């Protein structure tokens, strides 16, 4: 007990070329491949959704143009009906009906403009998601 000695030994082994390490490498490779497939599917879905939104935006652009034409037409009709009524050749009912048509056209335009803005926000969201990938 006069000269105490201590010794510690560590043994570190990495099994190279054995089945357990090969199995873990294959599992990791399969997980990477699966994640790549999921990413590709996500990109395809986003691209598909983006093309749908673009189609809807183009459609609503045409609808809004038609709504503007309808508003202009109904305003002109209201003006003409008012002139006829002022001259005593028209009825007040026709003036009221033309004003109702004018307001309905404006309401339709407003509703379609809201839908267009929602689609535009979806478009920006989808493009941001695609760019960030």
N, C-alpha and C. Protein backbone atom coordinates (compact mmCIF):
# COMPACT_ATOMS: atom_id res chain seq x y z
N UNK A 1 0.80 -1.18 0.00
CA UNK A 1 0.00 0.00 0.00
C UNK A 1 0.85 1.26 0.00
N UNK A 2 2.15 1.10 -0.06
CA UNK A 2 3.02 2.28 -0.06
C UNK A 2 2.98 3.03 -1.38
N UNK A 3 2.83 2.33 -2.45
CA UNK A 3 2.83 2.96 -3.79
C UNK A 3 1.52 2.62 -4.52
N UNK A 4 0.52 3.41 -4.30
CA UNK A 4 -0.75 3.11 -4.98
C UNK A 4 -0.70 3.53 -6.45
N UNK A 5 -1.13 2.69 -7.31
CA UNK A 5 -1.19 2.94 -8.76
C UNK A 5 -2.65 2.79 -9.21
N UNK A 6 -2.99 3.71 -10.06
CA UNK A 6 -4.33 3.64 -10.65
C UNK A 6 -4.17 3.60 -12.15
N UNK A 7 -4.97 2.85 -12.77
CA UNK A 7 -4.97 2.84 -14.23
C UNK A 7 -6.42 2.73 -14.71
N UNK A 8 -6.67 3.47 -15.77
CA UNK A 8 -8.00 3.46 -16.38
C UNK A 8 -7.82 3.14 -17.86
N UNK A 9 -8.65 2.32 -18.38
CA UNK A 9 -8.57 1.97 -19.80
C UNK A 9 -9.93 2.16 -20.47
N UNK A 10 -9.90 2.74 -21.61
CA UNK A 10 -11.11 2.93 -22.41
C UNK A 10 -10.95 2.19 -23.72
N UNK A 11 -12.02 1.62 -24.15
CA UNK A 11 -12.00 0.95 -25.42
C UNK A 11 -13.16 1.48 -26.25
N UNK A 12 -12.84 2.01 -27.40
CA UNK A 12 -13.83 2.60 -28.29
C UNK A 12 -13.81 1.82 -29.59
N UNK A 13 -14.95 1.25 -29.95
CA UNK A 13 -15.01 0.45 -31.17
C UNK A 13 -16.11 0.98 -32.09
N UNK A 14 -15.78 1.07 -33.32
CA UNK A 14 -16.76 1.41 -34.35
C UNK A 14 -16.79 0.24 -35.32
N UNK A 15 -17.90 -0.42 -35.37
CA UNK A 15 -17.96 -1.56 -36.29
C UNK A 15 -18.09 -1.07 -37.73
N UNK A 16 -17.05 -1.19 -38.48
CA UNK A 16 -17.07 -0.80 -39.88
C UNK A 16 -17.30 -2.03 -40.75
N UNK A 17 -18.19 -1.88 -41.68
CA UNK A 17 -18.45 -2.97 -42.60
C UNK A 17 -19.32 -4.06 -42.03
N UNK A 18 -19.84 -3.86 -40.86
CA UNK A 18 -20.71 -4.88 -40.28
C UNK A 18 -22.16 -4.58 -40.63
N UNK A 19 -23.00 -5.50 -40.37
CA UNK A 19 -24.40 -5.39 -40.77
C UNK A 19 -25.12 -4.24 -40.06
N UNK A 20 -24.84 -4.01 -38.83
CA UNK A 20 -25.56 -2.96 -38.10
C UNK A 20 -25.25 -1.58 -38.68
N UNK A 21 -24.00 -1.32 -39.01
CA UNK A 21 -23.65 -0.01 -39.57
C UNK A 21 -24.18 0.13 -40.99
N UNK A 22 -24.13 -0.95 -41.78
CA UNK A 22 -24.67 -0.91 -43.13
C UNK A 22 -26.18 -0.70 -43.09
N UNK A 23 -26.83 -1.30 -42.16
CA UNK A 23 -28.28 -1.15 -42.01
C UNK A 23 -28.63 0.29 -41.65
N UNK A 24 -27.87 0.91 -40.76
CA UNK A 24 -28.14 2.30 -40.38
C UNK A 24 -27.88 3.24 -41.56
N UNK A 25 -26.87 2.96 -42.34
CA UNK A 25 -26.59 3.78 -43.53
C UNK A 25 -27.73 3.66 -44.54
N UNK A 26 -28.22 2.44 -44.74
CA UNK A 26 -29.34 2.25 -45.66
C UNK A 26 -30.60 2.94 -45.16
N UNK A 27 -30.85 2.87 -43.86
CA UNK A 27 -32.01 3.55 -43.29
C UNK A 27 -31.92 5.06 -43.50
N UNK A 28 -30.74 5.59 -43.24
CA UNK A 28 -30.54 7.03 -43.41
C UNK A 28 -30.72 7.43 -44.87
N UNK A 29 -30.16 6.63 -45.79
CA UNK A 29 -30.32 6.92 -47.21
C UNK A 29 -31.78 6.86 -47.64
N UNK A 30 -32.52 5.88 -47.11
CA UNK A 30 -33.95 5.78 -47.42
C UNK A 30 -34.73 6.98 -46.88
N UNK A 31 -34.37 7.43 -45.68
CA UNK A 31 -35.03 8.60 -45.10
C UNK A 31 -34.76 9.84 -45.95
N UNK A 32 -33.52 9.99 -46.41
CA UNK A 32 -33.17 11.14 -47.25
C UNK A 32 -33.94 11.08 -48.56
N UNK A 33 -34.02 9.88 -49.14
CA UNK A 33 -34.74 9.72 -50.40
C UNK A 33 -36.23 10.01 -50.20
N UNK A 34 -36.78 9.55 -49.09
CA UNK A 34 -38.19 9.79 -48.78
C UNK A 34 -38.45 11.29 -48.61
N UNK A 35 -37.57 11.99 -47.92
CA UNK A 35 -37.72 13.43 -47.73
C UNK A 35 -37.63 14.19 -49.06
N UNK A 36 -36.73 13.75 -49.94
CA UNK A 36 -36.63 14.37 -51.26
C UNK A 36 -37.92 14.17 -52.05
N UNK A 37 -38.49 12.96 -51.96
CA UNK A 37 -39.75 12.68 -52.66
C UNK A 37 -40.89 13.54 -52.10
N UNK A 38 -40.91 13.68 -50.78
CA UNK A 38 -41.94 14.53 -50.17
C UNK A 38 -41.78 15.98 -50.61
N UNK A 39 -40.55 16.45 -50.69
CA UNK A 39 -40.30 17.82 -51.14
C UNK A 39 -40.72 18.01 -52.59
N UNK A 40 -40.43 17.02 -53.44
CA UNK A 40 -40.85 17.09 -54.84
C UNK A 40 -42.37 17.11 -54.96
N UNK A 41 -43.05 16.28 -54.16
CA UNK A 41 -44.51 16.26 -54.17
C UNK A 41 -45.08 17.60 -53.71
N UNK A 42 -44.47 18.17 -52.69
CA UNK A 42 -44.92 19.46 -52.19
C UNK A 42 -44.74 20.55 -53.24
N UNK A 43 -43.61 20.51 -53.94
CA UNK A 43 -43.38 21.49 -55.00
C UNK A 43 -44.40 21.34 -56.13
N UNK A 44 -44.71 20.10 -56.49
CA UNK A 44 -45.70 19.85 -57.54
C UNK A 44 -47.08 20.35 -57.12
N UNK A 45 -47.45 20.08 -55.86
CA UNK A 45 -48.74 20.54 -55.36
C UNK A 45 -48.82 22.06 -55.35
N UNK A 46 -47.75 22.70 -54.90
CA UNK A 46 -47.73 24.16 -54.87
C UNK A 46 -47.80 24.73 -56.29
N UNK A 47 -47.08 24.12 -57.21
CA UNK A 47 -47.12 24.58 -58.60
C UNK A 47 -48.51 24.40 -59.20
N UNK A 48 -49.14 23.30 -58.89
CA UNK A 48 -50.49 23.05 -59.38
C UNK A 48 -51.46 24.08 -58.81
N UNK A 49 -51.37 24.32 -57.51
CA UNK A 49 -52.24 25.31 -56.88
C UNK A 49 -51.98 26.70 -57.45
N UNK A 50 -50.72 26.99 -57.73
CA UNK A 50 -50.37 28.29 -58.29
C UNK A 50 -50.97 28.47 -59.68
N UNK A 51 -50.93 27.43 -60.48
CA UNK A 51 -51.51 27.54 -61.82
C UNK A 51 -53.03 27.70 -61.75
N UNK A 52 -53.68 27.05 -60.77
CA UNK A 52 -55.12 27.22 -60.59
C UNK A 52 -55.45 28.66 -60.20
N UNK A 53 -54.65 29.21 -59.29
CA UNK A 53 -54.89 30.58 -58.84
C UNK A 53 -54.66 31.57 -59.98
N UNK A 54 -53.64 31.32 -60.79
CA UNK A 54 -53.38 32.21 -61.94
C UNK A 54 -54.55 32.16 -62.92
N UNK A 55 -55.09 30.98 -63.15
CA UNK A 55 -56.25 30.84 -64.04
C UNK A 55 -57.45 31.61 -63.48
N UNK A 56 -57.67 31.47 -62.17
CA UNK A 56 -58.78 32.18 -61.54
C UNK A 56 -58.57 33.69 -61.57
N UNK A 57 -57.33 34.12 -61.38
CA UNK A 57 -57.03 35.56 -61.45
C UNK A 57 -57.34 36.10 -62.84
N UNK A 58 -56.95 35.38 -63.87
CA UNK A 58 -57.24 35.82 -65.23
C UNK A 58 -58.75 35.88 -65.48
N UNK A 59 -59.47 34.89 -64.96
CA UNK A 59 -60.92 34.87 -65.11
C UNK A 59 -61.55 36.06 -64.40
N UNK A 60 -61.12 36.31 -63.17
CA UNK A 60 -61.69 37.43 -62.42
C UNK A 60 -61.30 38.77 -63.02
N UNK A 61 -60.16 38.84 -63.67
CA UNK A 61 -59.78 40.07 -64.36
C UNK A 61 -60.79 40.38 -65.47
N UNK A 62 -61.16 39.36 -66.22
CA UNK A 62 -62.17 39.53 -67.26
C UNK A 62 -63.53 39.88 -66.65
N UNK A 63 -63.87 39.22 -65.56
CA UNK A 63 -65.15 39.49 -64.90
C UNK A 63 -65.21 40.94 -64.42
N UNK A 64 -64.12 41.43 -63.85
CA UNK A 64 -64.09 42.82 -63.37
C UNK A 64 -64.23 43.81 -64.53
N UNK A 65 -63.62 43.49 -65.66
CA UNK A 65 -63.79 44.36 -66.83
C UNK A 65 -65.25 44.39 -67.28
N UNK A 66 -65.89 43.22 -67.28
CA UNK A 66 -67.30 43.16 -67.65
C UNK A 66 -68.16 43.91 -66.64
N UNK A 67 -67.81 43.81 -65.34
CA UNK A 67 -68.55 44.55 -64.32
C UNK A 67 -68.44 46.06 -64.53
N UNK A 68 -67.27 46.53 -64.91
CA UNK A 68 -67.10 47.96 -65.18
C UNK A 68 -67.96 48.39 -66.37
N UNK A 69 -67.99 47.55 -67.40
CA UNK A 69 -68.85 47.86 -68.55
C UNK A 69 -70.32 47.89 -68.14
N UNK A 70 -70.69 46.96 -67.28
CA UNK A 70 -72.08 46.90 -66.82
C UNK A 70 -72.41 48.14 -65.99
N UNK A 71 -71.49 48.58 -65.15
CA UNK A 71 -71.71 49.79 -64.36
C UNK A 71 -71.89 51.00 -65.28
N UNK A 72 -70.99 51.13 -66.25
CA UNK A 72 -71.08 52.26 -67.19
C UNK A 72 -72.40 52.25 -67.96
N UNK A 73 -72.82 51.08 -68.39
CA UNK A 73 -74.08 50.96 -69.12
C UNK A 73 -75.26 51.33 -68.22
N UNK A 74 -75.25 50.85 -67.01
CA UNK A 74 -76.38 51.14 -66.11
C UNK A 74 -76.40 52.62 -65.70
N UNK A 75 -75.22 53.24 -65.59
CA UNK A 75 -75.18 54.68 -65.30
C UNK A 75 -75.79 55.46 -66.47
N UNK A 76 -75.42 55.08 -67.68
CA UNK A 76 -75.98 55.75 -68.86
C UNK A 76 -77.49 55.55 -68.94
N UNK A 77 -77.94 54.35 -68.60
CA UNK A 77 -79.38 54.08 -68.62
C UNK A 77 -80.10 54.93 -67.59
N UNK A 78 -79.50 55.08 -66.40
CA UNK A 78 -80.10 55.91 -65.36
C UNK A 78 -80.18 57.36 -65.81
N UNK A 79 -79.14 57.84 -66.45
CA UNK A 79 -79.14 59.22 -66.95
C UNK A 79 -80.26 59.42 -67.98
N UNK A 80 -80.38 58.47 -68.90
CA UNK A 80 -81.40 58.58 -69.94
C UNK A 80 -82.81 58.47 -69.35
N UNK A 81 -83.01 57.56 -68.40
CA UNK A 81 -84.32 57.42 -67.77
C UNK A 81 -84.67 58.68 -66.98
N UNK A 82 -83.68 59.29 -66.35
CA UNK A 82 -83.92 60.54 -65.61
C UNK A 82 -84.30 61.67 -66.56
N UNK A 83 -83.63 61.74 -67.71
CA UNK A 83 -83.96 62.76 -68.71
C UNK A 83 -85.39 62.58 -69.22
N UNK A 84 -85.76 61.31 -69.50
CA UNK A 84 -87.11 61.05 -69.96
C UNK A 84 -88.14 61.43 -68.90
N UNK A 85 -87.85 61.12 -67.65
CA UNK A 85 -88.77 61.45 -66.57
C UNK A 85 -88.88 62.97 -66.40
N UNK A 86 -87.72 63.65 -66.48
CA UNK A 86 -87.74 65.11 -66.33
C UNK A 86 -88.53 65.79 -67.47
N UNK A 87 -88.51 65.20 -68.63
CA UNK A 87 -89.25 65.74 -69.78
C UNK A 87 -90.72 65.32 -69.76
N UNK A 88 -91.08 64.48 -68.81
CA UNK A 88 -92.47 64.06 -68.70
C UNK A 88 -92.83 62.90 -69.61
N UNK A 89 -91.87 62.25 -70.21
CA UNK A 89 -92.16 61.15 -71.14
C UNK A 89 -91.86 59.79 -70.52
N UNK A 90 -91.37 59.76 -69.28
CA UNK A 90 -91.03 58.49 -68.64
C UNK A 90 -91.69 58.37 -67.29
N UNK A 91 -91.57 57.20 -66.71
CA UNK A 91 -92.17 56.96 -65.41
C UNK A 91 -91.07 56.91 -64.33
N UNK A 92 -91.45 57.28 -63.14
CA UNK A 92 -90.51 57.26 -62.02
C UNK A 92 -90.06 55.84 -61.71
N UNK A 93 -90.92 54.88 -61.98
CA UNK A 93 -90.59 53.48 -61.74
C UNK A 93 -89.37 53.06 -62.55
N UNK A 94 -89.28 53.52 -63.78
CA UNK A 94 -88.15 53.15 -64.63
C UNK A 94 -86.86 53.78 -64.12
N UNK A 95 -86.95 54.99 -63.59
CA UNK A 95 -85.77 55.66 -63.02
C UNK A 95 -85.29 54.88 -61.79
N UNK A 96 -86.23 54.50 -60.96
CA UNK A 96 -85.87 53.75 -59.74
C UNK A 96 -85.27 52.40 -60.11
N UNK A 97 -85.86 51.72 -61.09
CA UNK A 97 -85.33 50.42 -61.51
C UNK A 97 -83.93 50.55 -62.09
N UNK A 98 -83.69 51.59 -62.86
CA UNK A 98 -82.35 51.76 -63.44
C UNK A 98 -81.33 52.09 -62.35
N UNK A 99 -81.75 52.85 -61.33
CA UNK A 99 -80.83 53.12 -60.21
C UNK A 99 -80.55 51.84 -59.42
N UNK A 100 -81.56 51.00 -59.26
CA UNK A 100 -81.35 49.71 -58.59
C UNK A 100 -80.37 48.84 -59.37
N UNK A 101 -80.52 48.82 -60.70
CA UNK A 101 -79.60 48.05 -61.53
C UNK A 101 -78.17 48.58 -61.41
N UNK A 102 -78.05 49.89 -61.34
CA UNK A 102 -76.74 50.51 -61.20
C UNK A 102 -76.08 50.12 -59.87
N UNK A 103 -76.86 50.16 -58.80
CA UNK A 103 -76.32 49.79 -57.49
C UNK A 103 -75.99 48.29 -57.42
N UNK A 104 -76.81 47.48 -58.06
CA UNK A 104 -76.54 46.03 -58.10
C UNK A 104 -75.25 45.75 -58.85
N UNK A 105 -75.02 46.48 -59.94
CA UNK A 105 -73.79 46.30 -60.71
C UNK A 105 -72.58 46.72 -59.89
N UNK A 106 -72.70 47.81 -59.15
CA UNK A 106 -71.59 48.26 -58.30
C UNK A 106 -71.33 47.26 -57.17
N UNK A 107 -72.40 46.70 -56.61
CA UNK A 107 -72.25 45.70 -55.56
C UNK A 107 -71.58 44.44 -56.10
N UNK A 108 -71.97 44.02 -57.28
CA UNK A 108 -71.36 42.86 -57.91
C UNK A 108 -69.88 43.11 -58.16
N UNK A 109 -69.55 44.30 -58.63
CA UNK A 109 -68.14 44.64 -58.86
C UNK A 109 -67.35 44.59 -57.55
N UNK A 110 -67.92 45.13 -56.48
CA UNK A 110 -67.23 45.13 -55.19
C UNK A 110 -66.99 43.72 -54.68
N UNK A 111 -68.00 42.87 -54.82
CA UNK A 111 -67.85 41.47 -54.37
C UNK A 111 -66.78 40.75 -55.17
N UNK A 112 -66.79 40.96 -56.48
CA UNK A 112 -65.78 40.31 -57.32
C UNK A 112 -64.39 40.88 -57.07
N UNK A 113 -64.31 42.16 -56.76
CA UNK A 113 -63.01 42.76 -56.44
C UNK A 113 -62.43 42.18 -55.16
N UNK A 114 -63.29 41.90 -54.18
CA UNK A 114 -62.83 41.27 -52.94
C UNK A 114 -62.29 39.87 -53.22
N UNK A 115 -63.00 39.11 -54.03
CA UNK A 115 -62.53 37.76 -54.38
C UNK A 115 -61.21 37.83 -55.15
N UNK A 116 -61.08 38.82 -56.02
CA UNK A 116 -59.84 39.00 -56.77
C UNK A 116 -58.68 39.29 -55.83
N UNK A 117 -58.90 40.13 -54.83
CA UNK A 117 -57.84 40.45 -53.87
C UNK A 117 -57.46 39.23 -53.04
N UNK A 118 -58.43 38.41 -52.68
CA UNK A 118 -58.13 37.17 -51.94
C UNK A 118 -57.27 36.24 -52.79
N UNK A 119 -57.62 36.13 -54.07
CA UNK A 119 -56.83 35.28 -54.96
C UNK A 119 -55.42 35.85 -55.14
N UNK A 120 -55.31 37.16 -55.18
CA UNK A 120 -54.00 37.79 -55.32
C UNK A 120 -53.13 37.49 -54.09
N UNK A 121 -53.73 37.50 -52.91
CA UNK A 121 -52.99 37.16 -51.69
C UNK A 121 -52.55 35.70 -51.73
N UNK A 122 -53.43 34.81 -52.20
CA UNK A 122 -53.04 33.40 -52.34
C UNK A 122 -51.90 33.25 -53.33
N UNK A 123 -51.95 33.99 -54.41
CA UNK A 123 -50.89 33.95 -55.42
C UNK A 123 -49.55 34.34 -54.81
N UNK A 124 -49.54 35.45 -54.07
CA UNK A 124 -48.30 35.90 -53.43
C UNK A 124 -47.80 34.89 -52.41
N UNK A 125 -48.71 34.30 -51.67
CA UNK A 125 -48.34 33.30 -50.67
C UNK A 125 -47.71 32.07 -51.33
N UNK A 126 -48.34 31.58 -52.38
CA UNK A 126 -47.83 30.38 -53.05
C UNK A 126 -46.48 30.65 -53.72
N UNK A 127 -46.32 31.82 -54.34
CA UNK A 127 -45.02 32.13 -54.96
C UNK A 127 -43.94 32.27 -53.91
N UNK A 128 -44.28 32.85 -52.76
CA UNK A 128 -43.29 32.94 -51.69
C UNK A 128 -42.86 31.56 -51.20
N UNK A 129 -43.82 30.66 -51.07
CA UNK A 129 -43.51 29.31 -50.61
C UNK A 129 -42.65 28.58 -51.63
N UNK A 130 -42.94 28.75 -52.90
CA UNK A 130 -42.16 28.08 -53.93
C UNK A 130 -40.74 28.65 -54.00
N UNK A 131 -40.62 29.95 -53.85
CA UNK A 131 -39.30 30.57 -53.92
C UNK A 131 -38.45 30.16 -52.73
N UNK A 132 -39.07 30.01 -51.57
CA UNK A 132 -38.30 29.69 -50.37
C UNK A 132 -37.82 28.24 -50.34
N UNK A 133 -38.30 27.41 -51.26
CA UNK A 133 -37.87 26.00 -51.27
C UNK A 133 -36.56 25.84 -51.97
